[in-house]
C-alpha atoms as a PDB file:
ATOM      1  CA  UNK A   1     -16.034  -6.017  -0.901  1.00  0.00           C
ATOM      2  CA  UNK A   2     -12.767  -4.127  -0.553  1.00  0.00           C
ATOM      3  CA  UNK A   3     -13.285  -2.172  -3.772  1.00  0.00           C
ATOM      4  CA  UNK A   4     -16.641  -0.880  -2.557  1.00  0.00           C
ATOM      5  CA  UNK A   5     -15.105   0.323   0.701  1.00  0.00           C
ATOM      6  CA  UNK A   6     -12.337   2.140  -1.196  1.00  0.00           C
ATOM      7  CA  UNK A   7     -14.916   3.802  -3.466  1.00  0.00           C
ATOM      8  CA  UNK A   8     -16.973   4.871  -0.440  1.00  0.00           C
ATOM      9  CA  UNK A   9     -13.887   6.419   1.169  1.00  0.00           C
ATOM     10  CA  UNK A  10     -13.016   8.164  -2.113  1.00  0.00           C
ATOM     11  CA  UNK A  11     -16.497   9.686  -2.258  1.00  0.00           C
ATOM     12  CA  UNK A  12     -16.299  10.676   1.403  1.00  0.00           C
ATOM     13  CA  UNK A  13     -12.988  12.420   0.699  1.00  0.00           C
ATOM     14  CA  UNK A  14     -14.548  14.214  -2.267  1.00  0.00           C
ATOM     15  CA  UNK A  15     -17.397  15.412  -0.060  1.00  0.00           C
ATOM     16  CA  UNK A  16     -14.877  16.676   2.492  1.00  0.00           C
ATOM     17  CA  UNK A  17     -12.929  18.428  -0.265  1.00  0.00           C
ATOM     18  CA  UNK A  18     -16.039  20.215  -1.488  1.00  0.00           C
ATOM     19  CA  UNK A  19     -16.805  21.626   1.935  1.00  0.00           C
ATOM     20  CA  UNK A  20     -13.772  21.809   4.243  1.00  0.00           C
ATOM     21  CA  UNK A  21     -10.175  23.021   4.290  1.00  0.00           C
ATOM     22  CA  UNK A  22      -7.166  20.700   4.323  1.00  0.00           C
ATOM     23  CA  UNK A  23      -7.009  20.359   8.117  1.00  0.00           C
ATOM     24  CA  UNK A  24     -10.076  18.088   8.011  1.00  0.00           C
ATOM     25  CA  UNK A  25      -7.818  15.423   6.506  1.00  0.00           C
ATOM     26  CA  UNK A  26      -5.961  14.875   9.788  1.00  0.00           C
ATOM     27  CA  UNK A  27      -8.951  13.544  11.760  1.00  0.00           C
ATOM     28  CA  UNK A  28     -10.467  11.900   8.677  1.00  0.00           C
ATOM     29  CA  UNK A  29      -7.361   9.893   7.816  1.00  0.00           C
ATOM     30  CA  UNK A  30      -6.694   9.095  11.478  1.00  0.00           C
ATOM     31  CA  UNK A  31     -10.234   7.825  11.979  1.00  0.00           C
ATOM     32  CA  UNK A  32     -10.106   5.860   8.721  1.00  0.00           C
ATOM     33  CA  UNK A  33      -6.831   4.134   9.518  1.00  0.00           C
ATOM     34  CA  UNK A  34      -7.826   3.462  13.113  1.00  0.00           C
ATOM     35  CA  UNK A  35     -11.129   1.901  12.079  1.00  0.00           C
ATOM     36  CA  UNK A  36      -9.403  -0.226   9.406  1.00  0.00           C
ATOM     37  CA  UNK A  37      -6.943  -1.499  12.022  1.00  0.00           C
ATOM     38  CA  UNK A  38      -9.693  -2.254  14.540  1.00  0.00           C
ATOM     39  CA  UNK A  39     -11.859  -4.075  12.002  1.00  0.00           C
ATOM     40  CA  UNK A  40      -8.874  -6.049  10.742  1.00  0.00           C
ATOM     41  CA  UNK A  41      -7.842  -7.134  14.218  1.00  0.00           C
ATOM     42  CA  UNK A  42     -11.378  -8.122  15.206  1.00  0.00           C
ATOM     43  CA  UNK A  43     -11.741 -10.202  12.031  1.00  0.00           C
ATOM     44  CA  UNK A  44      -8.411 -11.883  12.724  1.00  0.00           C
ATOM     45  CA  UNK A  45      -6.676 -10.684   9.564  1.00  0.00           C
ATOM     46  CA  UNK A  46      -2.926 -10.949   9.114  1.00  0.00           C
ATOM     47  CA  UNK A  47      -0.704  -7.942   9.769  1.00  0.00           C
ATOM     48  CA  UNK A  48       0.059  -7.292   6.093  1.00  0.00           C
ATOM     49  CA  UNK A  49      -3.601  -7.455   5.165  1.00  0.00           C
ATOM     50  CA  UNK A  50      -4.414  -4.851   7.808  1.00  0.00           C
ATOM     51  CA  UNK A  51      -1.503  -2.653   6.695  1.00  0.00           C
ATOM     52  CA  UNK A  52      -2.611  -2.777   3.038  1.00  0.00           C
ATOM     53  CA  UNK A  53      -6.198  -1.940   4.012  1.00  0.00           C
ATOM     54  CA  UNK A  54      -5.014   1.032   6.085  1.00  0.00           C
ATOM     55  CA  UNK A  55      -2.839   2.321   3.241  1.00  0.00           C
ATOM     56  CA  UNK A  56      -5.565   1.882   0.605  1.00  0.00           C
ATOM     57  CA  UNK A  57      -8.267   3.575   2.653  1.00  0.00           C
ATOM     58  CA  UNK A  58      -5.999   6.427   3.748  1.00  0.00           C
ATOM     59  CA  UNK A  59      -4.946   6.998   0.157  1.00  0.00           C
ATOM     60  CA  UNK A  60      -8.526   6.789  -1.124  1.00  0.00           C
ATOM     61  CA  UNK A  61      -9.757   9.475   1.240  1.00  0.00           C
ATOM     62  CA  UNK A  62      -6.840  11.764   0.334  1.00  0.00           C
ATOM     63  CA  UNK A  63      -7.251  11.302  -3.423  1.00  0.00           C
ATOM     64  CA  UNK A  64     -10.984  11.860  -3.015  1.00  0.00           C
ATOM     65  CA  UNK A  65     -10.260  15.061  -1.103  1.00  0.00           C
ATOM     66  CA  UNK A  66      -8.042  16.221  -3.971  1.00  0.00           C
ATOM     67  CA  UNK A  67     -10.820  15.474  -6.453  1.00  0.00           C
ATOM     68  CA  UNK A  68     -13.263  17.439  -4.294  1.00  0.00           C
ATOM     69  CA  UNK A  69     -10.928  20.437  -4.204  1.00  0.00           C
ATOM     70  CA  UNK A  70     -10.565  20.351  -7.988  1.00  0.00           C
ATOM     71  CA  UNK A  71     -14.336  20.173  -8.439  1.00  0.00           C
ATOM     72  CA  UNK A  72     -14.833  23.059  -6.001  1.00  0.00           C
ATOM     73  CA  UNK A  73     -12.245  25.170  -7.854  1.00  0.00           C
ATOM     74  CA  UNK A  74     -13.921  24.435 -11.181  1.00  0.00           C
ATOM     75  CA  UNK A  75     -17.345  25.407  -9.798  1.00  0.00           C
ATOM     76  CA  UNK A  76     -16.020  28.649  -8.293  1.00  0.00           C
ATOM     77  CA  UNK A  77     -14.238  29.540 -11.519  1.00  0.00           C
ATOM     78  CA  UNK A  78     -17.350  28.987 -13.620  1.00  0.00           C
ATOM     79  CA  UNK A  79     -19.428  31.064 -11.176  1.00  0.00           C
ATOM     80  CA  UNK A  80     -16.893  33.883 -11.375  1.00  0.00           C
ATOM     81  CA  UNK A  81     -16.957  33.771 -15.171  1.00  0.00           C
ATOM     82  CA  UNK A  82     -20.745  33.933 -15.248  1.00  0.00           C
ATOM     83  CA  UNK A  83     -20.713  36.890 -12.853  1.00  0.00           C
ATOM     84  CA  UNK A  84     -18.135  38.695 -15.000  1.00  0.00           C
ATOM     85  CA  UNK A  85     -20.195  38.082 -18.118  1.00  0.00           C
ATOM     86  CA  UNK A  86     -23.361  39.377 -16.510  1.00  0.00           C
ATOM     87  CA  UNK A  87     -21.505  42.482 -15.269  1.00  0.00           C
ATOM     88  CA  UNK A  88     -20.175  43.208 -18.760  1.00  0.00           C
ATOM     89  CA  UNK A  89     -23.604  42.921 -20.411  1.00  0.00           C
ATOM     90  CA  UNK A  90     -25.211  45.365 -17.992  1.00  0.00           C
END
């Protein structure tokens, strides 16, 4: 179950990276860590289990954001190359 949640947060971070600037990470990571803490406390998990979940989910969303930025940069670079090629052939 935990792996699926980490993958979902990674994909959410990638989606944020494709669309938004870096300042979106502040509310995203805050909301992620806060929700992990609340869910852990309501389930009655131990402190270290909650801390590990918060760290994993916060890291997953940040690494996903980095992946989204890299994908966005690659897309923009390929679009620029195609525009340069079409300008040269005209």
